[in-house]
Amino acid sequence: MDKKIIQGLKERLERDKENVEKELSSFAKKDDKLTGDWDTKYPHFGGGAGGERLEQAADMVEEYVTLLPIEASLELKLQAINSALEKIKNGNYGKCEKCKKAIS
């Protein structure tokens, strides 16, 4: 594959990686113990009294449950980006993983 094309792809992947990490960090934090894993932060709303508190608790659970699949999807996207960047770094990008021939 042409080095100019690969360089352009690398730059695009690095921008995409930055955007995905930025989006993830808006509602999740990196897991210190598991590389590549992010943990959705449980939302916290202000205090309230009685029924208002129960409604806020329900809203927190709903928001958390909504964010979990988004986190999983973005983690998969980030893994794919990192894999492609690693292949570029190792000179394997654009080559078949089985036969090692260039993909045209």
PDB file of N, CA and C in Angstrom:
ATOM      1  N   MET A   1       0.843  -1.174   0.000  1.00  0.00           N
ATOM      2  CA  MET A   1       0.000   0.000   0.000  1.00  0.00           C
ATOM      3  C   MET A   1       0.894   1.245   0.000  1.00  0.00           C
ATOM      4  N   ASP A   2       0.496   2.257  -0.691  1.00  0.00           N
ATOM      5  CA  ASP A   2       1.238   3.504  -0.807  1.00  0.00           C
ATOM      6  C   ASP A   2       1.452   4.145   0.568  1.00  0.00           C
ATOM      7  N   LYS A   3       2.685   4.561   0.844  1.00  0.00           N
ATOM      8  CA  LYS A   3       3.025   5.149   2.147  1.00  0.00           C
ATOM      9  C   LYS A   3       2.230   6.418   2.426  1.00  0.00           C
ATOM     10  N   LYS A   4       1.941   7.181   1.380  1.00  0.00           N
ATOM     11  CA  LYS A   4       1.164   8.411   1.542  1.00  0.00           C
ATOM     12  C   LYS A   4      -0.264   8.081   1.995  1.00  0.00           C
ATOM     13  N   ILE A   5      -0.833   7.049   1.410  1.00  0.00           N
ATOM     14  CA  ILE A   5      -2.186   6.620   1.788  1.00  0.00           C
ATOM     15  C   ILE A   5      -2.185   6.126   3.230  1.00  0.00           C
ATOM     16  N   ILE A   6      -1.194   5.325   3.580  1.00  0.00           N
ATOM     17  CA  ILE A   6      -1.108   4.799   4.946  1.00  0.00           C
ATOM     18  C   ILE A   6      -0.936   5.938   5.943  1.00  0.00           C
ATOM     19  N   GLN A   7      -0.124   6.936   5.613  1.00  0.00           N
ATOM     20  CA  GLN A   7       0.066   8.074   6.513  1.00  0.00           C
ATOM     21  C   GLN A   7      -1.247   8.826   6.702  1.00  0.00           C
ATOM     22  N   GLY A   8      -1.995   9.010   5.622  1.00  0.00           N
ATOM     23  CA  GLY A   8      -3.298   9.667   5.716  1.00  0.00           C
ATOM     24  C   GLY A   8      -4.264   8.875   6.580  1.00  0.00           C
ATOM     25  N   LEU A   9      -4.267   7.555   6.415  1.00  0.00           N
ATOM     26  CA  LEU A   9      -5.127   6.697   7.236  1.00  0.00           C
ATOM     27  C   LEU A   9      -4.723   6.770   8.705  1.00  0.00           C
ATOM     28  N   LYS A  10      -3.417   6.779   8.950  1.00  0.00           N
ATOM     29  CA  LYS A  10      -2.919   6.859  10.324  1.00  0.00           C
ATOM     30  C   LYS A  10      -3.378   8.153  10.991  1.00  0.00           C
ATOM     31  N   GLU A  11      -3.262   9.259  10.276  1.00  0.00           N
ATOM     32  CA  GLU A  11      -3.693  10.548  10.828  1.00  0.00           C
ATOM     33  C   GLU A  11      -5.187  10.542  11.125  1.00  0.00           C
ATOM     34  N   ARG A  12      -5.956   9.969  10.213  1.00  0.00           N
ATOM     35  CA  ARG A  12      -7.414   9.896  10.413  1.00  0.00           C
ATOM     36  C   ARG A  12      -7.744   9.021  11.620  1.00  0.00           C
ATOM     37  N   LEU A  13      -7.067   7.882  11.743  1.00  0.00           N
ATOM     38  CA  LEU A  13      -7.295   6.980  12.876  1.00  0.00           C
ATOM     39  C   LEU A  13      -6.928   7.651  14.196  1.00  0.00           C
ATOM     40  N   GLU A  14      -5.844   8.414  14.204  1.00  0.00           N
ATOM     41  CA  GLU A  14      -5.444   9.112  15.426  1.00  0.00           C
ATOM     42  C   GLU A  14      -6.476  10.162  15.823  1.00  0.00           C
ATOM     43  N   ARG A  15      -7.049  10.865  14.841  1.00  0.00           N
ATOM     44  CA  ARG A  15      -8.120  11.835  15.135  1.00  0.00           C
ATOM     45  C   ARG A  15      -9.358  11.117  15.661  1.00  0.00           C
ATOM     46  N   ASP A  16      -9.709  10.006  15.008  1.00  0.00           N
ATOM     47  CA  ASP A  16     -10.869   9.231  15.453  1.00  0.00           C
ATOM     48  C   ASP A  16     -10.666   8.723  16.877  1.00  0.00           C
ATOM     49  N   LYS A  17      -9.463   8.253  17.170  1.00  0.00           N
ATOM     50  CA  LYS A  17      -9.151   7.759  18.514  1.00  0.00           C
ATOM     51  C   LYS A  17      -9.336   8.864  19.546  1.00  0.00           C
ATOM     52  N   GLU A  18      -8.823  10.035  19.229  1.00  0.00           N
ATOM     53  CA  GLU A  18      -8.958  11.177  20.135  1.00  0.00           C
ATOM     54  C   GLU A  18     -10.431  11.517  20.372  1.00  0.00           C
ATOM     55  N   ASN A  19     -11.227  11.507  19.304  1.00  0.00           N
ATOM     56  CA  ASN A  19     -12.656  11.822  19.427  1.00  0.00           C
ATOM     57  C   ASN A  19     -13.398  10.772  20.248  1.00  0.00           C
ATOM     58  N   VAL A  20     -13.099   9.503  20.025  1.00  0.00           N
ATOM     59  CA  VAL A  20     -13.762   8.430  20.773  1.00  0.00           C
ATOM     60  C   VAL A  20     -13.390   8.520  22.252  1.00  0.00           C
ATOM     61  N   GLU A  21     -12.108   8.745  22.542  1.00  0.00           N
ATOM     62  CA  GLU A  21     -11.682   8.866  23.939  1.00  0.00           C
ATOM     63  C   GLU A  21     -12.313  10.079  24.605  1.00  0.00           C
ATOM     64  N   LYS A  22     -12.449  11.167  23.861  1.00  0.00           N
ATOM     65  CA  LYS A  22     -13.092  12.372  24.400  1.00  0.00           C
ATOM     66  C   LYS A  22     -14.559  12.090  24.720  1.00  0.00           C
ATOM     67  N   GLU A  23     -15.234  11.411  23.798  1.00  0.00           N
ATOM     68  CA  GLU A  23     -16.642  11.083  24.026  1.00  0.00           C
ATOM     69  C   GLU A  23     -16.800  10.140  25.218  1.00  0.00           C
ATOM     70  N   LEU A  24     -15.948   9.125  25.288  1.00  0.00           N
ATOM     71  CA  LEU A  24     -16.001   8.198  26.422  1.00  0.00           C
ATOM     72  C   LEU A  24     -15.754   8.924  27.743  1.00  0.00           C
ATOM     73  N   SER A  25     -14.773   9.815  27.759  1.00  0.00           N
ATOM     74  CA  SER A  25     -14.427  10.492  29.011  1.00  0.00           C
ATOM     75  C   SER A  25     -15.520  11.442  29.485  1.00  0.00           C
ATOM     76  N   SER A  26     -16.483  11.752  28.620  1.00  0.00           N
ATOM     77  CA  SER A  26     -17.578  12.628  29.035  1.00  0.00           C
ATOM     78  C   SER A  26     -18.555  11.924  29.978  1.00  0.00           C
ATOM     79  N   PHE A  27     -18.539  10.578  29.982  1.00  0.00           N
ATOM     80  CA  PHE A  27     -19.455   9.861  30.868  1.00  0.00           C
ATOM     81  C   PHE A  27     -18.836   8.618  31.504  1.00  0.00           C
ATOM     82  N   ALA A  28     -17.574   8.351  31.201  1.00  0.00           N
ATOM     83  CA  ALA A  28     -16.920   7.156  31.740  1.00  0.00           C
ATOM     84  C   ALA A  28     -15.481   7.500  32.110  1.00  0.00           C
ATOM     85  N   LYS A  29     -14.860   6.595  32.847  1.00  0.00           N
ATOM     86  CA  LYS A  29     -13.444   6.786  33.182  1.00  0.00           C
ATOM     87  C   LYS A  29     -12.695   5.510  32.845  1.00  0.00           C
ATOM     88  N   LYS A  30     -11.403   5.669  32.525  1.00  0.00           N
ATOM     89  CA  LYS A  30     -10.575   4.512  32.195  1.00  0.00           C
ATOM     90  C   LYS A  30     -10.442   3.614  33.408  1.00  0.00           C
ATOM     91  N   ASP A  31     -10.510   2.324  33.172  1.00  0.00           N
ATOM     92  CA  ASP A  31     -10.294   1.341  34.228  1.00  0.00           C
ATOM     93  C   ASP A  31      -8.787   1.191  34.412  1.00  0.00           C
ATOM     94  N   ASP A  32      -8.303   1.475  35.617  1.00  0.00           N
ATOM     95  CA  ASP A  32      -6.867   1.407  35.898  1.00  0.00           C
ATOM     96  C   ASP A  32      -6.326  -0.015  35.856  1.00  0.00           C
ATOM     97  N   LYS A  33      -7.195  -0.988  36.076  1.00  0.00           N
ATOM     98  CA  LYS A  33      -6.742  -2.372  36.193  1.00  0.00           C
ATOM     99  C   LYS A  33      -6.872  -3.172  34.902  1.00  0.00           C
ATOM    100  N   LEU A  34      -7.724  -2.729  34.004  1.00  0.00           N
ATOM    101  CA  LEU A  34      -7.983  -3.481  32.778  1.00  0.00           C
ATOM    102  C   LEU A  34      -7.745  -2.583  31.564  1.00  0.00           C
ATOM    103  N   THR A  35      -6.685  -2.839  30.845  1.00  0.00           N
ATOM    104  CA  THR A  35      -6.313  -2.026  29.688  1.00  0.00           C
ATOM    105  C   THR A  35      -7.416  -2.033  28.635  1.00  0.00           C
ATOM    106  N   GLY A  36      -7.747  -0.854  28.147  1.00  0.00           N
ATOM    107  CA  GLY A  36      -8.748  -0.729  27.094  1.00  0.00           C
ATOM    108  C   GLY A  36     -10.178  -0.724  27.587  1.00  0.00           C
ATOM    109  N   ASP A  37     -10.355  -0.837  28.901  1.00  0.00           N
ATOM    110  CA  ASP A  37     -11.708  -0.876  29.459  1.00  0.00           C
ATOM    111  C   ASP A  37     -12.051   0.480  30.061  1.00  0.00           C
ATOM    112  N   TRP A  38     -13.284   0.857  29.909  1.00  0.00           N
ATOM    113  CA  TRP A  38     -13.807   2.087  30.494  1.00  0.00           C
ATOM    114  C   TRP A  38     -14.988   1.710  31.374  1.00  0.00           C
ATOM    115  N   ASP A  39     -15.226   2.491  32.401  1.00  0.00           N
ATOM    116  CA  ASP A  39     -16.348   2.258  33.308  1.00  0.00           C
ATOM    117  C   ASP A  39     -17.257   3.474  33.312  1.00  0.00           C
ATOM    118  N   THR A  40     -18.519   3.245  32.976  1.00  0.00           N
ATOM    119  CA  THR A  40     -19.495   4.324  32.987  1.00  0.00           C
ATOM    120  C   THR A  40     -19.666   4.831  34.408  1.00  0.00           C
ATOM    121  N   LYS A  41     -19.608   6.148  34.548  1.00  0.00           N
ATOM    122  CA  LYS A  41     -19.799   6.763  35.865  1.00  0.00           C
ATOM    123  C   LYS A  41     -21.292   6.743  36.186  1.00  0.00           C
ATOM    124  N   TYR A  42     -21.593   6.407  37.428  1.00  0.00           N
ATOM    125  CA  TYR A  42     -22.987   6.432  37.847  1.00  0.00           C
ATOM    126  C   TYR A  42     -23.378   7.885  38.058  1.00  0.00           C
ATOM    127  N   PRO A  43     -24.442   8.350  37.412  1.00  0.00           N
ATOM    128  CA  PRO A  43     -24.816   9.766  37.528  1.00  0.00           C
ATOM    129  C   PRO A  43     -25.303  10.109  38.935  1.00  0.00           C
ATOM    130  N   HIS A  44     -25.035  11.331  39.343  1.00  0.00           N
ATOM    131  CA  HIS A  44     -25.494  11.812  40.647  1.00  0.00           C
ATOM    132  C   HIS A  44     -26.273  13.098  40.438  1.00  0.00           C
ATOM    133  N   PHE A  45     -27.471  13.111  40.977  1.00  0.00           N
ATOM    134  CA  PHE A  45     -28.303  14.302  40.921  1.00  0.00           C
ATOM    135  C   PHE A  45     -28.368  14.886  42.323  1.00  0.00           C
ATOM    136  N   GLY A  46     -28.853  16.102  42.424  1.00  0.00           N
ATOM    137  CA  GLY A  46     -28.983  16.750  43.726  1.00  0.00           C
ATOM    138  C   GLY A  46     -29.983  16.027  44.613  1.00  0.00           C
ATOM    139  N   GLY A  47     -29.937  16.340  45.866  1.00  0.00           N
ATOM    140  CA  GLY A  47     -30.845  15.712  46.828  1.00  0.00           C
ATOM    141  C   GLY A  47     -32.267  16.206  46.652  1.00  0.00           C
ATOM    142  N   GLY A  48     -33.156  15.546  47.266  1.00  0.00           N
ATOM    143  CA  GLY A  48     -34.558  15.918  47.209  1.00  0.00           C
ATOM    144  C   GLY A  48     -35.269  15.276  48.383  1.00  0.00           C
ATOM    145  N   ALA A  49     -36.548  15.472  48.446  1.00  0.00           N
ATOM    146  CA  ALA A  49     -37.304  14.898  49.554  1.00  0.00           C
ATOM    147  C   ALA A  49     -38.399  13.994  49.015  1.00  0.00           C
ATOM    148  N   GLY A  50     -38.649  12.916  49.736  1.00  0.00           N
ATOM    149  CA  GLY A  50     -39.766  12.025  49.450  1.00  0.00           C
ATOM    150  C   GLY A  50     -39.807  11.512  48.028  1.00  0.00           C
ATOM    151  N   GLY A  51     -40.947  11.758  47.366  1.00  0.00           N
ATOM    152  CA  GLY A  51     -41.181  11.270  46.015  1.00  0.00           C
ATOM    153  C   GLY A  51     -40.191  11.828  45.007  1.00  0.00           C
ATOM    154  N   GLU A  52     -39.735  13.051  45.260  1.00  0.00           N
ATOM    155  CA  GLU A  52     -38.758  13.659  44.354  1.00  0.00           C
ATOM    156  C   GLU A  52     -37.456  12.857  44.344  1.00  0.00           C
ATOM    157  N   ARG A  53     -37.061  12.368  45.505  1.00  0.00           N
ATOM    158  CA  ARG A  53     -35.834  11.574  45.616  1.00  0.00           C
ATOM    159  C   ARG A  53     -35.977  10.259  44.838  1.00  0.00           C
ATOM    160  N   LEU A  54     -37.145   9.625  44.943  1.00  0.00           N
ATOM    161  CA  LEU A  54     -37.378   8.376  44.207  1.00  0.00           C
ATOM    162  C   LEU A  54     -37.351   8.615  42.700  1.00  0.00           C
ATOM    163  N   GLU A  55     -37.929   9.724  42.278  1.00  0.00           N
ATOM    164  CA  GLU A  55     -37.933  10.054  40.856  1.00  0.00           C
ATOM    165  C   GLU A  55     -36.509  10.301  40.360  1.00  0.00           C
ATOM    166  N   GLN A  56     -35.704  10.987  41.170  1.00  0.00           N
ATOM    167  CA  GLN A  56     -34.311  11.230  40.793  1.00  0.00           C
ATOM    168  C   GLN A  56     -33.533   9.918  40.721  1.00  0.00           C
ATOM    169  N   ALA A  57     -33.807   9.014  41.655  1.00  0.00           N
ATOM    170  CA  ALA A  57     -33.129   7.715  41.648  1.00  0.00           C
ATOM    171  C   ALA A  57     -33.483   6.944  40.372  1.00  0.00           C
ATOM    172  N   ALA A  58     -34.742   6.988  39.990  1.00  0.00           N
ATOM    173  CA  ALA A  58     -35.173   6.316  38.758  1.00  0.00           C
ATOM    174  C   ALA A  58     -34.501   6.943  37.540  1.00  0.00           C
ATOM    175  N   ASP A  59     -34.387   8.271  37.539  1.00  0.00           N
ATOM    176  CA  ASP A  59     -33.718   8.963  36.434  1.00  0.00           C
ATOM    177  C   ASP A  59     -32.244   8.569  36.347  1.00  0.00           C
ATOM    178  N   MET A  60     -31.580   8.427  37.496  1.00  0.00           N
ATOM    179  CA  MET A  60     -30.168   8.040  37.519  1.00  0.00           C
ATOM    180  C   MET A  60     -29.981   6.644  36.935  1.00  0.00           C
ATOM    181  N   VAL A  61     -30.847   5.728  37.333  1.00  0.00           N
ATOM    182  CA  VAL A  61     -30.756   4.357  36.825  1.00  0.00           C
ATOM    183  C   VAL A  61     -31.007   4.346  35.321  1.00  0.00           C
ATOM    184  N   GLU A  62     -32.005   5.089  34.876  1.00  0.00           N
ATOM    185  CA  GLU A  62     -32.320   5.143  33.448  1.00  0.00           C
ATOM    186  C   GLU A  62     -31.140   5.706  32.647  1.00  0.00           C
ATOM    187  N   GLU A  63     -30.528   6.774  33.137  1.00  0.00           N
ATOM    188  CA  GLU A  63     -29.385   7.370  32.436  1.00  0.00           C
ATOM    189  C   GLU A  63     -28.212   6.394  32.392  1.00  0.00           C
ATOM    190  N   TYR A  64     -27.952   5.733  33.514  1.00  0.00           N
ATOM    191  CA  TYR A  64     -26.842   4.780  33.601  1.00  0.00           C
ATOM    192  C   TYR A  64     -27.042   3.623  32.619  1.00  0.00           C
ATOM    193  N   VAL A  65     -28.244   3.074  32.603  1.00  0.00           N
ATOM    194  CA  VAL A  65     -28.555   1.942  31.725  1.00  0.00           C
ATOM    195  C   VAL A  65     -28.482   2.365  30.253  1.00  0.00           C
ATOM    196  N   THR A  66     -28.806   3.597  29.960  1.00  0.00           N
ATOM    197  CA  THR A  66     -28.713   4.115  28.596  1.00  0.00           C
ATOM    198  C   THR A  66     -27.257   4.252  28.151  1.00  0.00           C
ATOM    199  N   LEU A  67     -26.378   4.627  29.079  1.00  0.00           N
ATOM    200  CA  LEU A  67     -24.972   4.859  28.739  1.00  0.00           C
ATOM    201  C   LEU A  67     -24.157   3.572  28.587  1.00  0.00           C
ATOM    202  N   LEU A  68     -24.565   2.496  29.238  1.00  0.00           N
ATOM    203  CA  LEU A  68     -23.785   1.252  29.195  1.00  0.00           C
ATOM    204  C   LEU A  68     -23.566   0.717  27.778  1.00  0.00           C
ATOM    205  N   PRO A  69     -24.603   0.591  26.950  1.00  0.00           N
ATOM    206  CA  PRO A  69     -24.348   0.089  25.592  1.00  0.00           C
ATOM    207  C   PRO A  69     -23.554   1.081  24.734  1.00  0.00           C
ATOM    208  N   ILE A  70     -23.679   2.368  25.023  1.00  0.00           N
ATOM    209  CA  ILE A  70     -22.886   3.366  24.304  1.00  0.00           C
ATOM    210  C   ILE A  70     -21.415   3.176  24.652  1.00  0.00           C
ATOM    211  N   GLU A  71     -21.143   2.958  25.931  1.00  0.00           N
ATOM    212  CA  GLU A  71     -19.770   2.685  26.373  1.00  0.00           C
ATOM    213  C   GLU A  71     -19.216   1.458  25.653  1.00  0.00           C
ATOM    214  N   ALA A  72     -19.983   0.388  25.629  1.00  0.00           N
ATOM    215  CA  ALA A  72     -19.523  -0.858  24.998  1.00  0.00           C
ATOM    216  C   ALA A  72     -19.230  -0.641  23.513  1.00  0.00           C
ATOM    217  N   SER A  73     -20.097   0.075  22.832  1.00  0.00           N
ATOM    218  CA  SER A  73     -19.918   0.342  21.405  1.00  0.00           C
ATOM    219  C   SER A  73     -18.663   1.178  21.151  1.00  0.00           C
ATOM    220  N   LEU A  74     -18.460   2.205  21.962  1.00  0.00           N
ATOM    221  CA  LEU A  74     -17.284   3.056  21.795  1.00  0.00           C
ATOM    222  C   LEU A  74     -16.001   2.311  22.149  1.00  0.00           C
ATOM    223  N   GLU A  75     -16.068   1.419  23.134  1.00  0.00           N
ATOM    224  CA  GLU A  75     -14.893   0.602  23.475  1.00  0.00           C
ATOM    225  C   GLU A  75     -14.500  -0.288  22.298  1.00  0.00           C
ATOM    226  N   LEU A  76     -15.480  -0.898  21.648  1.00  0.00           N
ATOM    227  CA  LEU A  76     -15.201  -1.741  20.479  1.00  0.00           C
ATOM    228  C   LEU A  76     -14.593  -0.923  19.343  1.00  0.00           C
ATOM    229  N   LYS A  77     -15.129   0.264  19.137  1.00  0.00           N
ATOM    230  CA  LYS A  77     -14.594   1.140  18.098  1.00  0.00           C
ATOM    231  C   LYS A  77     -13.149   1.516  18.420  1.00  0.00           C
ATOM    232  N   LEU A  78     -12.883   1.829  19.685  1.00  0.00           N
ATOM    233  CA  LEU A  78     -11.536   2.194  20.111  1.00  0.00           C
ATOM    234  C   LEU A  78     -10.568   1.020  19.951  1.00  0.00           C
ATOM    235  N   GLN A  79     -11.035  -0.185  20.249  1.00  0.00           N
ATOM    236  CA  GLN A  79     -10.194  -1.374  20.070  1.00  0.00           C
ATOM    237  C   GLN A  79      -9.835  -1.572  18.598  1.00  0.00           C
ATOM    238  N   ALA A  80     -10.802  -1.366  17.720  1.00  0.00           N
ATOM    239  CA  ALA A  80     -10.550  -1.512  16.283  1.00  0.00           C
ATOM    240  C   ALA A  80      -9.557  -0.453  15.795  1.00  0.00           C
ATOM    241  N   ILE A  81      -9.703   0.762  16.284  1.00  0.00           N
ATOM    242  CA  ILE A  81      -8.778   1.838  15.917  1.00  0.00           C
ATOM    243  C   ILE A  81      -7.373   1.507  16.398  1.00  0.00           C
ATOM    244  N   ASN A  82      -7.262   1.086  17.658  1.00  0.00           N
ATOM    245  CA  ASN A  82      -5.949   0.741  18.212  1.00  0.00           C
ATOM    246  C   ASN A  82      -5.309  -0.420  17.456  1.00  0.00           C
ATOM    247  N   SER A  83      -6.119  -1.384  17.063  1.00  0.00           N
ATOM    248  CA  SER A  83      -5.615  -2.524  16.296  1.00  0.00           C
ATOM    249  C   SER A  83      -5.070  -2.064  14.943  1.00  0.00           C
ATOM    250  N   ALA A  84      -5.805  -1.193  14.274  1.00  0.00           N
ATOM    251  CA  ALA A  84      -5.356  -0.678  12.976  1.00  0.00           C
ATOM    252  C   ALA A  84      -4.072   0.137  13.130  1.00  0.00           C
ATOM    253  N   LEU A  85      -4.004   0.962  14.173  1.00  0.00           N
ATOM    254  CA  LEU A  85      -2.790   1.752  14.408  1.00  0.00           C
ATOM    255  C   LEU A  85      -1.592   0.849  14.699  1.00  0.00           C
ATOM    256  N   GLU A  86      -1.823  -0.227  15.422  1.00  0.00           N
ATOM    257  CA  GLU A  86      -0.748  -1.177  15.726  1.00  0.00           C
ATOM    258  C   GLU A  86      -0.263  -1.858  14.442  1.00  0.00           C
ATOM    259  N   LYS A  87      -1.202  -2.200  13.555  1.00  0.00           N
ATOM    260  CA  LYS A  87      -0.825  -2.817  12.273  1.00  0.00           C
ATOM    261  C   LYS A  87      -0.010  -1.847  11.425  1.00  0.00           C
ATOM    262  N   ILE A  88      -0.390  -0.585  11.438  1.00  0.00           N
ATOM    263  CA  ILE A  88       0.379   0.419  10.696  1.00  0.00           C
ATOM    264  C   ILE A  88       1.785   0.517  11.276  1.00  0.00           C
ATOM    265  N   LYS A  89       1.867   0.562  12.590  1.00  0.00           N
ATOM    266  CA  LYS A  89       3.165   0.669  13.272  1.00  0.00           C
ATOM    267  C   LYS A  89       4.071  -0.518  12.927  1.00  0.00           C
ATOM    268  N   ASN A  90       3.487  -1.705  12.852  1.00  0.00           N
ATOM    269  CA  ASN A  90       4.261  -2.923  12.584  1.00  0.00           C
ATOM    270  C   ASN A  90       4.455  -3.209  11.097  1.00  0.00           C
ATOM    271  N   GLY A  91       3.869  -2.364  10.246  1.00  0.00           N
ATOM    272  CA  GLY A  91       4.001  -2.568   8.805  1.00  0.00           C
ATOM    273  C   GLY A  91       3.093  -3.644   8.252  1.00  0.00           C
ATOM    274  N   ASN A  92       2.059  -4.013   9.008  1.00  0.00           N
ATOM    275  CA  ASN A  92       1.146  -5.075   8.577  1.00  0.00           C
ATOM    276  C   ASN A  92      -0.190  -4.561   8.058  1.00  0.00           C
ATOM    277  N   TYR A  93      -0.390  -3.252   8.075  1.00  0.00           N
ATOM    278  CA  TYR A  93      -1.671  -2.710   7.632  1.00  0.00           C
ATOM    279  C   TYR A  93      -1.819  -2.925   6.131  1.00  0.00           C
ATOM    280  N   GLY A  94      -2.975  -3.402   5.723  1.00  0.00           N
ATOM    281  CA  GLY A  94      -3.241  -3.647   4.306  1.00  0.00           C
ATOM    282  C   GLY A  94      -2.773  -5.008   3.827  1.00  0.00           C
ATOM    283  N   LYS A  95      -2.388  -5.863   4.777  1.00  0.00           N
ATOM    284  CA  LYS A  95      -1.950  -7.219   4.434  1.00  0.00           C
ATOM    285  C   LYS A  95      -2.905  -8.230   5.058  1.00  0.00           C
ATOM    286  N   CYS A  96      -3.151  -9.312   4.337  1.00  0.00           N
ATOM    287  CA  CYS A  96      -3.999 -10.389   4.838  1.00  0.00           C
ATOM    288  C   CYS A  96      -3.347 -10.997   6.080  1.00  0.00           C
ATOM    289  N   GLU A  97      -4.126 -11.184   7.129  1.00  0.00           N
ATOM    290  CA  GLU A  97      -3.583 -11.743   8.369  1.00  0.00           C
ATOM    291  C   GLU A  97      -3.198 -13.210   8.219  1.00  0.00           C
ATOM    292  N   LYS A  98      -3.805 -13.915   7.270  1.00  0.00           N
ATOM    293  CA  LYS A  98      -3.511 -15.344   7.093  1.00  0.00           C
ATOM    294  C   LYS A  98      -2.330 -15.580   6.157  1.00  0.00           C
ATOM    295  N   CYS A  99      -2.390 -14.995   4.957  1.00  0.00           N
ATOM    296  CA  CYS A  99      -1.344 -15.279   3.960  1.00  0.00           C
ATOM    297  C   CYS A  99      -0.282 -14.182   3.877  1.00  0.00           C
ATOM    298  N   LYS A 100      -0.516 -13.062   4.543  1.00  0.00           N
ATOM    299  CA  LYS A 100       0.431 -11.930   4.593  1.00  0.00           C
ATOM    300  C   LYS A 100       0.615 -11.210   3.253  1.00  0.00           C
ATOM    301  N   LYS A 101      -0.236 -11.509   2.277  1.00  0.00           N
ATOM    302  CA  LYS A 101      -0.163 -10.821   0.990  1.00  0.00           C
ATOM    303  C   LYS A 101      -0.919  -9.499   1.079  1.00  0.00           C
ATOM    304  N   ALA A 102      -0.485  -8.542   0.266  1.00  0.00           N
ATOM    305  CA  ALA A 102      -1.133  -7.234   0.240  1.00  0.00           C
ATOM    306  C   ALA A 102      -2.579  -7.372  -0.223  1.00  0.00           C
ATOM    307  N   ILE A 103      -3.459  -6.662   0.444  1.00  0.00           N
ATOM    308  CA  ILE A 103      -4.870  -6.631   0.065  1.00  0.00           C
ATOM    309  C   ILE A 103      -5.025  -5.523  -0.967  1.00  0.00           C
ATOM    310  N   SER A 104      -5.614  -5.870  -2.102  1.00  0.00           N
ATOM    311  CA  SER A 104      -5.754  -4.857  -3.159  1.00  0.00           C
ATOM    312  C   SER A 104      -7.161  -4.323  -3.220  1.00  0.00           C
TER     313      SER A 104
END
